[in-house]
Amino acid sequence: MKVEIRNSLTRADCDSAVELSTLLFESAYSDNEIRMLHASSLGCKAGIKLYSVVDELTSFGGANPIGQFARIFPSSLSDQKLESGWFALDALQSMLKPGVVIGSGDRIGDDSRNPGSVLYTDRTEDANSYAFFISMSVIGGTLSRYGNPNAGGGYSQGANLPWTTRAAVIADTSGTACGIAAGFLNYFDSFSAIQSLLPSSASGPISAMLTAIQAPIVDGVTGIPVHPCNNMGGLEYCKLQVSAAECELAKIRLRYRASCSETAAIGHFAAGMIQCINALWL
């Protein structure tokens, strides 16, 4: 069946690849090779074409980096691109290094055949490399669907993302609010993991794009007190609601796209990140 999956990917028959890889991924035979095949099949459906995406990133000129995600990975409610990105990231988070012992607070998917970790340091190099592109598809798909980007204006934001409080994050039964917050964190993590592997021609422009968004978003979430994203979200707001220890754990756990309903703190962090995205996406 692995040969059939690879043949389907070669033909860009994403639906067949996903159908076949799902059977293996959910079976007792699942291993890291199958997990990568499944993630690749879902990535195909999410619209990832590695060479064209790398070309887009290396030609990045510095203007509106968040808008570029929406441009590169368009999605609408009538397709399954965004959802495919979510499930691909799940598969990649289960690609663990041999012998890794996952901390109890870092485990995800315990009720599946493919348990994983929220920590990129627990995962294989291949998983982190592909997660860089998958996480971009998750970010871009969400922004494209819900941010109403202006294609004629540099893909500037046409509408604020609505999930700016924990209540709004939890009320979002689609999981999109938590998914985009997790997508950004996995994007930052995966770049940290693969930066040394990139050729200089690619590393420079990609690093510039990441630098342009990492500090504003991460600072807002991790609690710079004067940061504009600290209204009703982020670390400082979180510590007013629950214990500081719970808030610190939430910063890590949010890397799992379905974590926001686990504790109040995680939902606060997701809301803080979305406030930052709204403030930064111009």
Protein backbone atom coordinates (compact mmCIF):
# COMPACT_ATOMS: atom_id res chain seq x y z
CA MET A 1 0.00 0.00 0.00
CA LYS A 2 2.95 2.36 0.57
CA VAL A 3 3.78 2.11 -3.14
CA GLU A 4 0.20 3.00 -4.06
CA ILE A 5 0.32 6.02 -1.74
CA ARG A 6 3.55 7.25 -3.30
CA ASN A 7 2.14 6.72 -6.79
CA SER A 8 -0.94 8.72 -5.85
CA LEU A 9 1.26 11.54 -4.58
CA THR A 10 3.29 11.48 -7.79
CA ARG A 11 0.04 11.89 -9.75
CA ALA A 12 -1.12 14.61 -7.32
CA ASP A 13 -4.14 12.44 -6.58
CA CYS A 14 -4.36 13.78 -3.04
CA ASP A 15 -7.72 12.23 -2.18
CA SER A 16 -6.56 8.70 -3.00
CA ALA A 17 -3.32 9.23 -1.09
CA VAL A 18 -5.20 10.43 2.00
CA GLU A 19 -7.69 7.56 1.81
CA LEU A 20 -4.98 4.93 1.60
CA SER A 21 -2.60 6.52 4.12
CA THR A 22 -5.40 6.92 6.66
CA LEU A 23 -5.93 3.16 6.68
CA LEU A 24 -2.28 2.55 7.52
CA PHE A 25 -2.00 5.49 9.94
CA GLU A 26 -4.93 4.20 11.98
CA SER A 27 -3.70 0.60 11.96
CA ALA A 28 -1.43 -1.35 14.27
CA TYR A 29 1.28 -1.08 11.59
CA SER A 30 1.71 2.68 11.91
CA ASP A 31 5.31 3.85 12.25
CA ASN A 32 7.26 7.00 11.41
CA GLU A 33 7.44 6.14 7.72
CA ILE A 34 3.67 5.74 7.55
CA ARG A 35 3.13 8.88 9.61
CA MET A 36 5.21 10.87 7.14
CA LEU A 37 3.33 9.37 4.20
CA HIS A 38 0.06 10.34 5.87
CA ALA A 39 1.30 13.87 6.61
CA SER A 40 2.53 14.21 3.02
CA SER A 41 -0.82 13.04 1.67
CA LEU A 42 -2.65 15.56 3.82
CA GLY A 43 -0.10 18.22 2.86
CA CYS A 44 -0.91 17.52 -0.78
CA LYS A 45 -4.57 18.17 -0.01
CA ALA A 46 -3.64 21.31 1.94
CA GLY A 47 -2.04 22.70 -1.22
CA ILE A 48 1.63 22.33 -0.36
CA LYS A 49 3.94 22.20 -3.37
CA LEU A 50 7.36 22.41 -1.80
CA TYR A 51 9.33 23.90 -4.66
CA SER A 52 6.82 26.65 -5.37
CA VAL A 53 6.43 27.47 -1.65
CA VAL A 54 10.19 27.70 -1.16
CA ASP A 55 10.42 29.94 -4.22
CA GLU A 56 7.69 32.17 -2.79
CA LEU A 57 9.47 32.42 0.56
CA THR A 58 12.92 33.10 -0.84
CA SER A 59 11.54 35.98 -2.91
CA PHE A 60 9.91 37.58 0.15
CA GLY A 61 10.51 41.31 0.09
CA GLY A 62 9.60 42.15 3.68
CA ALA A 63 6.15 43.67 3.28
CA ASN A 64 3.23 42.29 5.32
CA PRO A 65 4.62 38.81 6.08
CA ILE A 66 1.38 37.55 7.61
CA GLY A 67 -0.50 38.55 4.47
CA GLN A 68 1.89 36.43 2.44
CA PHE A 69 0.69 33.30 4.24
CA ALA A 70 -2.87 34.08 3.15
CA ARG A 71 -1.68 34.63 -0.41
CA ILE A 72 0.37 31.43 -0.63
CA PHE A 73 -2.24 29.20 1.04
CA PRO A 74 -5.74 30.36 0.04
CA SER A 75 -8.64 28.39 1.52
CA SER A 76 -12.41 28.68 1.72
CA LEU A 77 -15.15 26.93 3.64
CA SER A 78 -15.91 24.84 0.55
CA ASP A 79 -12.54 23.06 0.57
CA GLN A 80 -10.67 20.88 3.04
CA LYS A 81 -7.27 22.57 2.81
CA LEU A 82 -7.24 24.01 6.33
CA GLU A 83 -8.52 20.83 7.96
CA SER A 84 -5.94 18.79 6.06
CA GLY A 85 -3.23 21.00 7.51
CA TRP A 86 -4.50 20.40 11.03
CA PHE A 87 -4.48 16.62 10.62
CA ALA A 88 -1.08 16.66 8.93
CA LEU A 89 0.37 18.53 11.91
CA ASP A 90 -1.15 15.89 14.23
CA ALA A 91 0.66 13.18 12.26
CA LEU A 92 3.96 15.06 12.37
CA GLN A 93 3.69 15.61 16.12
CA SER A 94 3.56 11.82 16.50
CA MET A 95 6.86 11.28 14.63
CA LEU A 96 9.08 10.83 17.66
CA LYS A 97 12.80 10.22 17.92
CA PRO A 98 13.69 6.67 18.95
CA GLY A 99 13.80 6.25 22.70
CA VAL A 100 12.15 9.57 23.53
CA VAL A 101 10.27 9.64 26.82
CA ILE A 102 7.44 12.17 26.62
CA GLY A 103 6.70 14.20 29.72
CA SER A 104 3.19 13.69 31.07
CA GLY A 105 2.22 17.30 30.38
CA ASP A 106 3.53 17.16 26.83
CA ARG A 107 1.73 14.07 25.56
CA ILE A 108 -1.02 14.25 22.96
CA GLY A 109 -3.11 11.59 21.26
CA ASP A 110 -2.93 9.07 24.09
CA ASP A 111 -6.21 7.55 22.91
CA SER A 112 -4.87 6.88 19.41
CA ARG A 113 -2.34 4.59 17.77
CA ASN A 114 -0.13 7.63 17.18
CA PRO A 115 0.57 9.43 20.46
CA GLY A 116 2.81 12.45 20.11
CA SER A 117 4.46 15.36 21.83
CA VAL A 118 3.98 19.13 21.77
CA LEU A 119 7.78 19.59 21.99
CA TYR A 120 9.63 19.79 18.68
CA THR A 121 12.77 18.53 20.42
CA ASP A 122 11.00 15.17 20.89
CA ARG A 123 10.32 14.82 17.16
CA THR A 124 12.42 13.71 14.20
CA GLU A 125 14.24 16.09 11.89
CA ASP A 126 11.96 15.09 8.99
CA ALA A 127 8.88 15.87 11.06
CA ASN A 128 10.13 19.32 12.00
CA SER A 129 11.18 20.10 8.43
CA TYR A 130 7.76 19.33 7.01
CA ALA A 131 5.98 20.93 9.97
CA PHE A 132 7.48 24.25 8.89
CA PHE A 133 5.43 24.14 5.68
CA ILE A 134 2.36 22.52 7.21
CA SER A 135 2.14 25.15 9.94
CA MET A 136 2.31 27.88 7.30
CA SER A 137 -0.61 26.26 5.49
CA VAL A 138 -2.61 26.25 8.73
CA ILE A 139 -1.87 29.93 9.31
CA GLY A 140 -2.53 30.94 5.71
CA GLY A 141 -5.69 28.89 5.39
CA THR A 142 -7.18 30.44 8.52
CA LEU A 143 -6.28 33.98 7.52
CA SER A 144 -7.60 33.42 4.02
CA ARG A 145 -10.94 32.08 5.24
CA TYR A 146 -11.62 34.45 8.10
CA GLY A 147 -9.45 37.56 7.63
CA ASN A 148 -10.94 38.62 4.29
CA PRO A 149 -7.53 39.50 2.83
CA ASN A 150 -7.44 42.24 0.21
CA ALA A 151 -5.81 40.66 -2.83
CA GLY A 152 -5.47 44.04 -4.50
CA GLY A 153 -3.85 45.66 -1.48
CA GLY A 154 -0.91 43.45 -0.63
CA TYR A 155 -3.15 40.92 1.11
CA SER A 156 -3.84 43.26 3.99
CA GLN A 157 -6.41 42.20 6.55
CA GLY A 158 -10.01 42.96 5.65
CA ALA A 159 -11.59 41.71 8.88
CA ASN A 160 -10.31 41.03 12.39
CA LEU A 161 -10.19 37.41 13.47
CA PRO A 162 -13.07 37.21 15.97
CA TRP A 163 -11.64 34.96 18.71
CA THR A 164 -10.08 37.60 20.98
CA THR A 165 -11.35 36.30 24.35
CA ARG A 166 -11.17 32.89 25.97
CA ALA A 167 -14.96 32.64 25.77
CA ALA A 168 -14.82 33.18 22.01
CA VAL A 169 -12.02 30.63 21.64
CA ILE A 170 -13.98 27.99 23.55
CA ALA A 171 -17.21 28.80 21.70
CA ASP A 172 -15.45 28.12 18.40
CA THR A 173 -16.46 24.49 18.04
CA SER A 174 -14.63 24.21 14.69
CA GLY A 175 -11.29 24.47 16.50
CA THR A 176 -10.05 27.17 14.13
CA ALA A 177 -9.12 29.65 16.87
CA CYS A 178 -6.96 27.18 18.76
CA GLY A 179 -5.64 25.82 15.47
CA ILE A 180 -4.16 29.11 14.26
CA ALA A 181 -2.51 29.79 17.63
CA ALA A 182 -0.96 26.31 17.56
CA GLY A 183 0.01 26.84 13.93
CA PHE A 184 2.05 29.94 14.73
CA LEU A 185 3.85 28.30 17.65
CA ASN A 186 4.70 25.24 15.57
CA TYR A 187 5.92 27.52 12.78
CA PHE A 188 8.35 29.24 15.15
CA ASP A 189 9.42 25.90 16.67
CA SER A 190 10.00 24.13 13.38
CA PHE A 191 12.07 26.97 11.99
CA SER A 192 14.27 26.81 15.09
CA ALA A 193 14.73 23.11 14.40
CA ILE A 194 15.64 23.38 10.71
CA GLN A 195 17.35 26.77 10.36
CA SER A 196 20.83 25.26 10.28
CA LEU A 197 19.75 22.91 7.49
CA LEU A 198 18.62 25.62 5.09
CA PRO A 199 20.92 26.94 2.36
CA SER A 200 21.93 30.57 2.86
CA SER A 201 19.88 31.63 -0.17
CA ALA A 202 16.73 30.43 1.56
CA SER A 203 17.63 31.00 5.20
CA GLY A 204 18.05 34.78 4.86
CA PRO A 205 14.64 35.68 3.41
CA ILE A 206 12.81 33.09 5.52
CA SER A 207 14.57 34.31 8.66
CA ALA A 208 13.58 37.88 7.80
CA MET A 209 9.95 36.83 7.48
CA LEU A 210 10.04 34.99 10.78
CA THR A 211 11.78 37.85 12.61
CA ALA A 212 9.15 40.27 11.38
CA ILE A 213 6.39 38.36 13.14
CA GLN A 214 7.92 36.28 15.93
CA ALA A 215 8.84 39.02 18.39
CA PRO A 216 5.51 40.89 18.17
CA ILE A 217 3.41 37.74 18.56
CA VAL A 218 5.55 35.89 21.10
CA ASP A 219 6.09 39.01 23.20
CA GLY A 220 2.36 39.57 23.35
CA VAL A 221 1.66 36.04 24.46
CA THR A 222 4.50 35.61 26.90
CA GLY A 223 3.76 38.70 28.86
CA ILE A 224 5.58 41.90 28.00
CA PRO A 225 3.35 44.05 30.26
CA VAL A 226 3.18 47.09 27.98
CA HIS A 227 2.49 45.05 24.86
CA PRO A 228 -0.79 46.00 23.14
CA CYS A 229 -1.81 42.35 22.84
CA ASN A 230 -2.11 41.90 26.61
CA ASN A 231 -5.74 43.01 26.78
CA MET A 232 -7.84 39.96 27.73
CA GLY A 233 -5.10 37.49 26.70
CA GLY A 234 -1.47 36.51 27.12
CA LEU A 235 0.59 35.78 30.20
CA GLU A 236 -0.14 38.88 32.28
CA TYR A 237 -3.88 38.56 31.80
CA CYS A 238 -3.69 34.81 32.38
CA LYS A 239 -2.00 35.31 35.76
CA LEU A 240 -4.93 37.45 36.86
CA GLN A 241 -7.26 34.52 36.22
CA VAL A 242 -5.39 31.39 37.29
CA SER A 243 -2.10 30.46 38.91
CA ALA A 244 1.20 31.54 37.37
CA ALA A 245 2.30 27.90 37.24
CA GLU A 246 -0.74 26.95 35.19
CA CYS A 247 -0.05 29.85 32.83
CA GLU A 248 3.52 28.73 32.29
CA LEU A 249 2.37 25.22 31.39
CA ALA A 250 -0.27 26.63 29.05
CA LYS A 251 2.38 28.38 26.94
CA ILE A 252 3.78 24.98 25.99
CA ARG A 253 0.56 23.01 25.73
CA LEU A 254 -1.01 25.45 23.24
CA ARG A 255 1.15 23.89 20.53
CA TYR A 256 -1.51 21.18 20.31
CA ARG A 257 -4.40 22.46 18.17
CA ALA A 258 -7.11 20.85 20.32
CA SER A 259 -5.77 21.99 23.70
CA CYS A 260 -7.73 25.20 24.28
CA SER A 261 -10.55 23.62 26.23
CA GLU A 262 -8.21 21.66 28.52
CA THR A 263 -7.56 24.55 30.94
CA ALA A 264 -8.66 28.15 31.24
CA ALA A 265 -5.08 29.31 30.84
CA ILE A 266 -4.63 27.74 27.39
CA GLY A 267 -7.71 29.53 26.08
CA HIS A 268 -6.41 32.84 27.40
CA PHE A 269 -3.15 32.34 25.55
CA ALA A 270 -4.91 31.54 22.28
CA ALA A 271 -6.99 34.70 22.62
CA GLY A 272 -3.84 36.73 23.29
CA MET A 273 -2.15 35.37 20.19
CA ILE A 274 -5.14 36.21 18.02
CA GLN A 275 -5.14 39.77 19.37
CA CYS A 276 -1.48 39.98 18.35
CA ILE A 277 -2.21 38.66 14.87
CA ASN A 278 -4.95 41.25 14.42
CA ALA A 279 -2.60 44.00 15.57
CA LEU A 280 0.27 42.91 13.35
CA TRP A 281 -1.51 41.93 10.13
CA LEU A 282 -1.79 45.28 8.34
